[in-house]
Amino acid sequence: MNTTTIRTSSKNLYERIHNYIKNKRISFVPSISNNSYAITLFGLDKKEADTLITKMTRHFHLRKMISQEAQVGRDTSRPYWPTASAA
């Protein structure tokens, strides 16, 4: 079974993503641990997961997270997309 996990440290963003996923009627399991929030999605293949992440990025006006090395000297005032991984 394919899974995709979305992680964030922002409670507000977690709640917004949680509601978005719930409204899309996608199977998921939420988890919260020590100010770290995660939502694991089930039943999406790689293409469906990529499409969903692209739509969510646009919907919430976010950008994909970049590595720490690439952030040096970069404007950090805009929000970044939480870490997402497909397994």
PDB file of N, CA and C in Angstrom:
ATOM      1  N   MET A   1       0.840  -1.179   0.000  1.00  0.00           N
ATOM      2  CA  MET A   1       0.000   0.000   0.000  1.00  0.00           C
ATOM      3  C   MET A   1       0.886   1.244   0.000  1.00  0.00           C
ATOM      4  N   ASN A   2       0.562   2.188  -0.868  1.00  0.00           N
ATOM      5  CA  ASN A   2       1.306   3.444  -0.942  1.00  0.00           C
ATOM      6  C   ASN A   2       0.838   4.394   0.147  1.00  0.00           C
ATOM      7  N   THR A   3       1.801   5.069   0.763  1.00  0.00           N
ATOM      8  CA  THR A   3       1.472   6.092   1.753  1.00  0.00           C
ATOM      9  C   THR A   3       2.256   7.349   1.450  1.00  0.00           C
ATOM     10  N   THR A   4       1.692   8.471   1.835  1.00  0.00           N
ATOM     11  CA  THR A   4       2.348   9.773   1.735  1.00  0.00           C
ATOM     12  C   THR A   4       2.177  10.453   3.078  1.00  0.00           C
ATOM     13  N   THR A   5       3.270  10.988   3.628  1.00  0.00           N
ATOM     14  CA  THR A   5       3.215  11.651   4.921  1.00  0.00           C
ATOM     15  C   THR A   5       3.541  13.123   4.766  1.00  0.00           C
ATOM     16  N   ILE A   6       2.703  13.963   5.340  1.00  0.00           N
ATOM     17  CA  ILE A   6       2.902  15.410   5.344  1.00  0.00           C
ATOM     18  C   ILE A   6       3.186  15.805   6.785  1.00  0.00           C
ATOM     19  N   ARG A   7       4.316  16.482   7.019  1.00  0.00           N
ATOM     20  CA  ARG A   7       4.708  16.891   8.371  1.00  0.00           C
ATOM     21  C   ARG A   7       4.864  18.410   8.437  1.00  0.00           C
ATOM     22  N   THR A   8       4.504  18.956   9.597  1.00  0.00           N
ATOM     23  CA  THR A   8       4.679  20.385   9.831  1.00  0.00           C
ATOM     24  C   THR A   8       4.820  20.637  11.330  1.00  0.00           C
ATOM     25  N   SER A   9       5.385  21.761  11.691  1.00  0.00           N
ATOM     26  CA  SER A   9       5.472  22.143  13.098  1.00  0.00           C
ATOM     27  C   SER A   9       4.431  23.213  13.440  1.00  0.00           C
ATOM     28  N   SER A  10       3.657  23.631  12.446  1.00  0.00           N
ATOM     29  CA  SER A  10       2.631  24.656  12.631  1.00  0.00           C
ATOM     30  C   SER A  10       1.266  24.002  12.879  1.00  0.00           C
ATOM     31  N   LYS A  11       0.701  24.269  14.053  1.00  0.00           N
ATOM     32  CA  LYS A  11      -0.610  23.716  14.377  1.00  0.00           C
ATOM     33  C   LYS A  11      -1.676  24.269  13.437  1.00  0.00           C
ATOM     34  N   ASN A  12      -1.608  25.549  13.128  1.00  0.00           N
ATOM     35  CA  ASN A  12      -2.571  26.185  12.241  1.00  0.00           C
ATOM     36  C   ASN A  12      -2.538  25.542  10.850  1.00  0.00           C
ATOM     37  N   LEU A  13      -1.351  25.380  10.291  1.00  0.00           N
ATOM     38  CA  LEU A  13      -1.226  24.766   8.969  1.00  0.00           C
ATOM     39  C   LEU A  13      -1.690  23.318   9.007  1.00  0.00           C
ATOM     40  N   TYR A  14      -1.356  22.605  10.070  1.00  0.00           N
ATOM     41  CA  TYR A  14      -1.811  21.218  10.232  1.00  0.00           C
ATOM     42  C   TYR A  14      -3.336  21.141  10.186  1.00  0.00           C
ATOM     43  N   GLU A  15      -4.013  22.014  10.917  1.00  0.00           N
ATOM     44  CA  GLU A  15      -5.479  22.001  10.946  1.00  0.00           C
ATOM     45  C   GLU A  15      -6.071  22.339   9.578  1.00  0.00           C
ATOM     46  N   ARG A  16      -5.461  23.268   8.883  1.00  0.00           N
ATOM     47  CA  ARG A  16      -5.938  23.633   7.548  1.00  0.00           C
ATOM     48  C   ARG A  16      -5.778  22.468   6.570  1.00  0.00           C
ATOM     49  N   ILE A  17      -4.615  21.799   6.618  1.00  0.00           N
ATOM     50  CA  ILE A  17      -4.367  20.650   5.745  1.00  0.00           C
ATOM     51  C   ILE A  17      -5.307  19.506   6.119  1.00  0.00           C
ATOM     52  N   HIS A  18      -5.491  19.277   7.416  1.00  0.00           N
ATOM     53  CA  HIS A  18      -6.383  18.227   7.898  1.00  0.00           C
ATOM     54  C   HIS A  18      -7.785  18.421   7.325  1.00  0.00           C
ATOM     55  N   ASN A  19      -8.312  19.633   7.396  1.00  0.00           N
ATOM     56  CA  ASN A  19      -9.646  19.924   6.865  1.00  0.00           C
ATOM     57  C   ASN A  19      -9.702  19.762   5.349  1.00  0.00           C
ATOM     58  N   TYR A  20      -8.646  20.185   4.666  1.00  0.00           N
ATOM     59  CA  TYR A  20      -8.576  20.066   3.213  1.00  0.00           C
ATOM     60  C   TYR A  20      -8.633  18.599   2.789  1.00  0.00           C
ATOM     61  N   ILE A  21      -7.815  17.770   3.437  1.00  0.00           N
ATOM     62  CA  ILE A  21      -7.768  16.340   3.121  1.00  0.00           C
ATOM     63  C   ILE A  21      -9.112  15.679   3.450  1.00  0.00           C
ATOM     64  N   LYS A  22      -9.683  16.053   4.579  1.00  0.00           N
ATOM     65  CA  LYS A  22     -10.977  15.493   4.996  1.00  0.00           C
ATOM     66  C   LYS A  22     -12.057  15.819   3.968  1.00  0.00           C
ATOM     67  N   ASN A  23     -12.071  17.052   3.472  1.00  0.00           N
ATOM     68  CA  ASN A  23     -13.061  17.453   2.471  1.00  0.00           C
ATOM     69  C   ASN A  23     -12.870  16.746   1.131  1.00  0.00           C
ATOM     70  N   LYS A  24     -11.638  16.324   0.839  1.00  0.00           N
ATOM     71  CA  LYS A  24     -11.344  15.599  -0.399  1.00  0.00           C
ATOM     72  C   LYS A  24     -11.693  14.119  -0.271  1.00  0.00           C
ATOM     73  N   ARG A  25     -12.056  13.689   0.941  1.00  0.00           N
ATOM     74  CA  ARG A  25     -12.438  12.300   1.220  1.00  0.00           C
ATOM     75  C   ARG A  25     -11.324  11.314   0.890  1.00  0.00           C
ATOM     76  N   ILE A  26     -10.116  11.661   1.296  1.00  0.00           N
ATOM     77  CA  ILE A  26      -8.947  10.804   1.138  1.00  0.00           C
ATOM     78  C   ILE A  26      -8.697  10.119   2.471  1.00  0.00           C
ATOM     79  N   SER A  27      -8.365   8.835   2.446  1.00  0.00           N
ATOM     80  CA  SER A  27      -8.080   8.089   3.679  1.00  0.00           C
ATOM     81  C   SER A  27      -6.778   8.603   4.285  1.00  0.00           C
ATOM     82  N   PHE A  28      -6.810   8.903   5.594  1.00  0.00           N
ATOM     83  CA  PHE A  28      -5.625   9.429   6.255  1.00  0.00           C
ATOM     84  C   PHE A  28      -5.650   9.091   7.741  1.00  0.00           C
ATOM     85  N   VAL A  29      -4.476   9.216   8.356  1.00  0.00           N
ATOM     86  CA  VAL A  29      -4.329   9.057   9.800  1.00  0.00           C
ATOM     87  C   VAL A  29      -3.526  10.255  10.299  1.00  0.00           C
ATOM     88  N   PRO A  30      -4.106  11.068  11.202  1.00  0.00           N
ATOM     89  CA  PRO A  30      -3.363  12.196  11.761  1.00  0.00           C
ATOM     90  C   PRO A  30      -2.546  11.736  12.974  1.00  0.00           C
ATOM     91  N   SER A  31      -1.440  12.432  13.243  1.00  0.00           N
ATOM     92  CA  SER A  31      -0.678  12.156  14.464  1.00  0.00           C
ATOM     93  C   SER A  31      -0.014  13.440  14.945  1.00  0.00           C
ATOM     94  N   ILE A  32       0.008  13.578  16.258  1.00  0.00           N
ATOM     95  CA  ILE A  32       0.605  14.752  16.901  1.00  0.00           C
ATOM     96  C   ILE A  32       1.556  14.254  17.973  1.00  0.00           C
ATOM     97  N   SER A  33       2.763  14.824  17.995  1.00  0.00           N
ATOM     98  CA  SER A  33       3.751  14.411  18.977  1.00  0.00           C
ATOM     99  C   SER A  33       4.764  15.530  19.192  1.00  0.00           C
ATOM    100  N   ASN A  34       4.843  16.049  20.414  1.00  0.00           N
ATOM    101  CA  ASN A  34       5.834  17.072  20.782  1.00  0.00           C
ATOM    102  C   ASN A  34       5.910  18.229  19.787  1.00  0.00           C
ATOM    103  N   ASN A  35       4.794  18.902  19.546  1.00  0.00           N
ATOM    104  CA  ASN A  35       4.725  20.040  18.621  1.00  0.00           C
ATOM    105  C   ASN A  35       5.122  19.687  17.195  1.00  0.00           C
ATOM    106  N   SER A  36       4.984  18.423  16.832  1.00  0.00           N
ATOM    107  CA  SER A  36       5.214  17.975  15.471  1.00  0.00           C
ATOM    108  C   SER A  36       3.928  17.315  14.996  1.00  0.00           C
ATOM    109  N   TYR A  37       3.438  17.755  13.873  1.00  0.00           N
ATOM    110  CA  TYR A  37       2.161  17.292  13.363  1.00  0.00           C
ATOM    111  C   TYR A  37       2.389  16.548  12.049  1.00  0.00           C
ATOM    112  N   ALA A  38       1.677  15.441  11.875  1.00  0.00           N
ATOM    113  CA  ALA A  38       1.819  14.651  10.651  1.00  0.00           C
ATOM    114  C   ALA A  38       0.460  14.117  10.219  1.00  0.00           C
ATOM    115  N   ILE A  39       0.307  13.996   8.916  1.00  0.00           N
ATOM    116  CA  ILE A  39      -0.880  13.375   8.332  1.00  0.00           C
ATOM    117  C   ILE A  39      -0.365  12.366   7.318  1.00  0.00           C
ATOM    118  N   THR A  40      -0.730  11.107   7.505  1.00  0.00           N
ATOM    119  CA  THR A  40      -0.333  10.049   6.586  1.00  0.00           C
ATOM    120  C   THR A  40      -1.530   9.707   5.712  1.00  0.00           C
ATOM    121  N   LEU A  41      -1.339   9.821   4.398  1.00  0.00           N
ATOM    122  CA  LEU A  41      -2.389   9.558   3.424  1.00  0.00           C
ATOM    123  C   LEU A  41      -2.228   8.144   2.875  1.00  0.00           C
ATOM    124  N   PHE A  42      -3.335   7.475   2.638  1.00  0.00           N
ATOM    125  CA  PHE A  42      -3.322   6.109   2.129  1.00  0.00           C
ATOM    126  C   PHE A  42      -4.027   6.025   0.786  1.00  0.00           C
ATOM    127  N   GLY A  43      -3.603   5.070  -0.029  1.00  0.00           N
ATOM    128  CA  GLY A  43      -4.319   4.759  -1.262  1.00  0.00           C
ATOM    129  C   GLY A  43      -4.046   5.673  -2.433  1.00  0.00           C
ATOM    130  N   LEU A  44      -3.035   6.502  -2.372  1.00  0.00           N
ATOM    131  CA  LEU A  44      -2.686   7.364  -3.504  1.00  0.00           C
ATOM    132  C   LEU A  44      -1.417   6.841  -4.156  1.00  0.00           C
ATOM    133  N   ASP A  45      -1.431   6.719  -5.479  1.00  0.00           N
ATOM    134  CA  ASP A  45      -0.177   6.372  -6.141  1.00  0.00           C
ATOM    135  C   ASP A  45       0.673   7.637  -6.248  1.00  0.00           C
ATOM    136  N   LYS A  46       1.888   7.497  -6.764  1.00  0.00           N
ATOM    137  CA  LYS A  46       2.825   8.630  -6.799  1.00  0.00           C
ATOM    138  C   LYS A  46       2.255   9.815  -7.579  1.00  0.00           C
ATOM    139  N   LYS A  47       1.627   9.553  -8.708  1.00  0.00           N
ATOM    140  CA  LYS A  47       1.081  10.636  -9.532  1.00  0.00           C
ATOM    141  C   LYS A  47      -0.042  11.366  -8.797  1.00  0.00           C
ATOM    142  N   GLU A  48      -0.935  10.615  -8.153  1.00  0.00           N
ATOM    143  CA  GLU A  48      -2.034  11.223  -7.403  1.00  0.00           C
ATOM    144  C   GLU A  48      -1.516  12.045  -6.226  1.00  0.00           C
ATOM    145  N   ALA A  49      -0.490  11.523  -5.531  1.00  0.00           N
ATOM    146  CA  ALA A  49       0.093  12.249  -4.398  1.00  0.00           C
ATOM    147  C   ALA A  49       0.759  13.537  -4.874  1.00  0.00           C
ATOM    148  N   ASP A  50       1.502  13.466  -5.978  1.00  0.00           N
ATOM    149  CA  ASP A  50       2.147  14.672  -6.521  1.00  0.00           C
ATOM    150  C   ASP A  50       1.113  15.713  -6.929  1.00  0.00           C
ATOM    151  N   THR A  51       0.033  15.273  -7.556  1.00  0.00           N
ATOM    152  CA  THR A  51      -1.040  16.184  -7.966  1.00  0.00           C
ATOM    153  C   THR A  51      -1.688  16.843  -6.756  1.00  0.00           C
ATOM    154  N   LEU A  52      -1.961  16.044  -5.722  1.00  0.00           N
ATOM    155  CA  LEU A  52      -2.565  16.581  -4.503  1.00  0.00           C
ATOM    156  C   LEU A  52      -1.648  17.617  -3.850  1.00  0.00           C
ATOM    157  N   ILE A  53      -0.352  17.313  -3.761  1.00  0.00           N
ATOM    158  CA  ILE A  53       0.595  18.246  -3.130  1.00  0.00           C
ATOM    159  C   ILE A  53       0.692  19.535  -3.940  1.00  0.00           C
ATOM    160  N   THR A  54       0.688  19.422  -5.255  1.00  0.00           N
ATOM    161  CA  THR A  54       0.727  20.616  -6.108  1.00  0.00           C
ATOM    162  C   THR A  54      -0.523  21.472  -5.896  1.00  0.00           C
ATOM    163  N   LYS A  55      -1.694  20.832  -5.837  1.00  0.00           N
ATOM    164  CA  LYS A  55      -2.939  21.576  -5.622  1.00  0.00           C
ATOM    165  C   LYS A  55      -2.967  22.222  -4.238  1.00  0.00           C
ATOM    166  N   MET A  56      -2.488  21.499  -3.223  1.00  0.00           N
ATOM    167  CA  MET A  56      -2.465  22.060  -1.871  1.00  0.00           C
ATOM    168  C   MET A  56      -1.487  23.223  -1.777  1.00  0.00           C
ATOM    169  N   THR A  57      -0.362  23.110  -2.452  1.00  0.00           N
ATOM    170  CA  THR A  57       0.620  24.191  -2.455  1.00  0.00           C
ATOM    171  C   THR A  57       0.002  25.462  -3.015  1.00  0.00           C
ATOM    172  N   ARG A  58      -0.721  25.334  -4.098  1.00  0.00           N
ATOM    173  CA  ARG A  58      -1.399  26.496  -4.691  1.00  0.00           C
ATOM    174  C   ARG A  58      -2.533  26.995  -3.794  1.00  0.00           C
ATOM    175  N   HIS A  59      -3.319  26.066  -3.276  1.00  0.00           N
ATOM    176  CA  HIS A  59      -4.480  26.423  -2.460  1.00  0.00           C
ATOM    177  C   HIS A  59      -4.084  27.229  -1.219  1.00  0.00           C
ATOM    178  N   PHE A  60      -2.992  26.822  -0.563  1.00  0.00           N
ATOM    179  CA  PHE A  60      -2.545  27.496   0.662  1.00  0.00           C
ATOM    180  C   PHE A  60      -1.479  28.556   0.405  1.00  0.00           C
ATOM    181  N   HIS A  61      -1.169  28.819  -0.877  1.00  0.00           N
ATOM    182  CA  HIS A  61      -0.175  29.838  -1.255  1.00  0.00           C
ATOM    183  C   HIS A  61       1.177  29.563  -0.599  1.00  0.00           C
ATOM    184  N   LEU A  62       1.644  28.328  -0.714  1.00  0.00           N
ATOM    185  CA  LEU A  62       2.918  27.921  -0.132  1.00  0.00           C
ATOM    186  C   LEU A  62       3.920  27.610  -1.228  1.00  0.00           C
ATOM    187  N   ARG A  63       5.165  27.451  -0.811  1.00  0.00           N
ATOM    188  CA  ARG A  63       6.223  27.003  -1.707  1.00  0.00           C
ATOM    189  C   ARG A  63       6.802  25.737  -1.127  1.00  0.00           C
ATOM    190  N   LYS A  64       7.336  24.872  -1.983  1.00  0.00           N
ATOM    191  CA  LYS A  64       7.951  23.651  -1.497  1.00  0.00           C
ATOM    192  C   LYS A  64       9.170  23.985  -0.667  1.00  0.00           C
ATOM    193  N   MET A  65       9.394  23.192   0.375  1.00  0.00           N
ATOM    194  CA  MET A  65      10.515  23.416   1.277  1.00  0.00           C
ATOM    195  C   MET A  65      11.828  23.111   0.562  1.00  0.00           C
ATOM    196  N   ILE A  66      12.818  23.969   0.772  1.00  0.00           N
ATOM    197  CA  ILE A  66      14.128  23.763   0.176  1.00  0.00           C
ATOM    198  C   ILE A  66      15.124  23.421   1.281  1.00  0.00           C
ATOM    199  N   SER A  67      16.253  22.864   0.898  1.00  0.00           N
ATOM    200  CA  SER A  67      17.239  22.440   1.895  1.00  0.00           C
ATOM    201  C   SER A  67      17.818  23.635   2.650  1.00  0.00           C
ATOM    202  N   GLN A  68      18.337  23.401   3.836  1.00  0.00           N
ATOM    203  CA  GLN A  68      18.909  24.459   4.670  1.00  0.00           C
ATOM    204  C   GLN A  68      20.054  25.173   3.962  1.00  0.00           C
ATOM    205  N   GLU A  69      20.887  24.437   3.223  1.00  0.00           N
ATOM    206  CA  GLU A  69      22.029  25.047   2.537  1.00  0.00           C
ATOM    207  C   GLU A  69      21.569  26.057   1.493  1.00  0.00           C
ATOM    208  N   ALA A  70      20.466  25.756   0.821  1.00  0.00           N
ATOM    209  CA  ALA A  70      19.970  26.644  -0.232  1.00  0.00           C
ATOM    210  C   ALA A  70      19.255  27.866   0.329  1.00  0.00           C
ATOM    211  N   GLN A  71      18.917  27.869   1.622  1.00  0.00           N
ATOM    212  CA  GLN A  71      18.200  28.986   2.214  1.00  0.00           C
ATOM    213  C   GLN A  71      19.111  30.136   2.611  1.00  0.00           C
ATOM    214  N   VAL A  72      20.405  29.941   2.635  1.00  0.00           N
ATOM    215  CA  VAL A  72      21.330  30.994   3.049  1.00  0.00           C
ATOM    216  C   VAL A  72      21.180  32.179   2.103  1.00  0.00           C
ATOM    217  N   GLY A  73      20.918  33.345   2.674  1.00  0.00           N
ATOM    218  CA  GLY A  73      20.780  34.566   1.889  1.00  0.00           C
ATOM    219  C   GLY A  73      19.443  34.680   1.172  1.00  0.00           C
ATOM    220  N   ARG A  74      18.509  33.821   1.490  1.00  0.00           N
ATOM    221  CA  ARG A  74      17.212  33.812   0.819  1.00  0.00           C
ATOM    222  C   ARG A  74      16.156  34.464   1.703  1.00  0.00           C
ATOM    223  N   ASP A  75      15.168  35.094   1.093  1.00  0.00           N
ATOM    224  CA  ASP A  75      14.066  35.710   1.827  1.00  0.00           C
ATOM    225  C   ASP A  75      13.254  34.618   2.512  1.00  0.00           C
ATOM    226  N   THR A  76      13.231  34.630   3.849  1.00  0.00           N
ATOM    227  CA  THR A  76      12.523  33.593   4.594  1.00  0.00           C
ATOM    228  C   THR A  76      11.195  34.094   5.154  1.00  0.00           C
ATOM    229  N   SER A  77      10.722  35.239   4.680  1.00  0.00           N
ATOM    230  CA  SER A  77       9.484  35.792   5.204  1.00  0.00           C
ATOM    231  C   SER A  77       8.243  35.077   4.660  1.00  0.00           C
ATOM    232  N   ARG A  78       8.369  34.375   3.521  1.00  0.00           N
ATOM    233  CA  ARG A  78       7.234  33.650   2.956  1.00  0.00           C
ATOM    234  C   ARG A  78       7.177  32.247   3.534  1.00  0.00           C
ATOM    235  N   PRO A  79       5.989  31.721   3.750  1.00  0.00           N
ATOM    236  CA  PRO A  79       5.860  30.370   4.316  1.00  0.00           C
ATOM    237  C   PRO A  79       6.324  29.294   3.343  1.00  0.00           C
ATOM    238  N   TYR A  80       6.813  28.218   3.872  1.00  0.00           N
ATOM    239  CA  TYR A  80       7.260  27.092   3.065  1.00  0.00           C
ATOM    240  C   TYR A  80       6.373  25.909   3.330  1.00  0.00           C
ATOM    241  N   TRP A  81       6.274  25.046   2.322  1.00  0.00           N
ATOM    242  CA  TRP A  81       5.494  23.830   2.418  1.00  0.00           C
ATOM    243  C   TRP A  81       6.116  22.894   3.447  1.00  0.00           C
ATOM    244  N   PRO A  82       5.309  22.216   4.244  1.00  0.00           N
ATOM    245  CA  PRO A  82       5.841  21.242   5.189  1.00  0.00           C
ATOM    246  C   PRO A  82       6.482  20.070   4.460  1.00  0.00           C
ATOM    247  N   THR A  83       7.306  19.343   5.166  1.00  0.00           N
ATOM    248  CA  THR A  83       7.966  18.195   4.590  1.00  0.00           C
ATOM    249  C   THR A  83       6.936  17.155   4.176  1.00  0.00           C
ATOM    250  N   ALA A  84       7.060  16.642   2.972  1.00  0.00           N
ATOM    251  CA  ALA A  84       6.164  15.576   2.509  1.00  0.00           C
ATOM    252  C   ALA A  84       7.009  14.477   1.916  1.00  0.00           C
ATOM    253  N   SER A  85       6.692  13.241   2.240  1.00  0.00           N
ATOM    254  CA  SER A  85       7.442  12.123   1.690  1.00  0.00           C
ATOM    255  C   SER A  85       6.490  11.022   1.300  1.00  0.00           C
ATOM    256  N   ALA A  86       6.807  10.362   0.212  1.00  0.00           N
ATOM    257  CA  ALA A  86       5.998   9.225  -0.243  1.00  0.00           C
ATOM    258  C   ALA A  86       6.778   7.955   0.027  1.00  0.00           C
ATOM    259  N   ALA A  87       6.104   6.972   0.593  1.00  0.00           N
ATOM    260  CA  ALA A  87       6.771   5.702   0.876  1.00  0.00           C
ATOM    261  C   ALA A  87       6.120   4.588   0.119  1.00  0.00           C
TER     262      ALA A  87
END
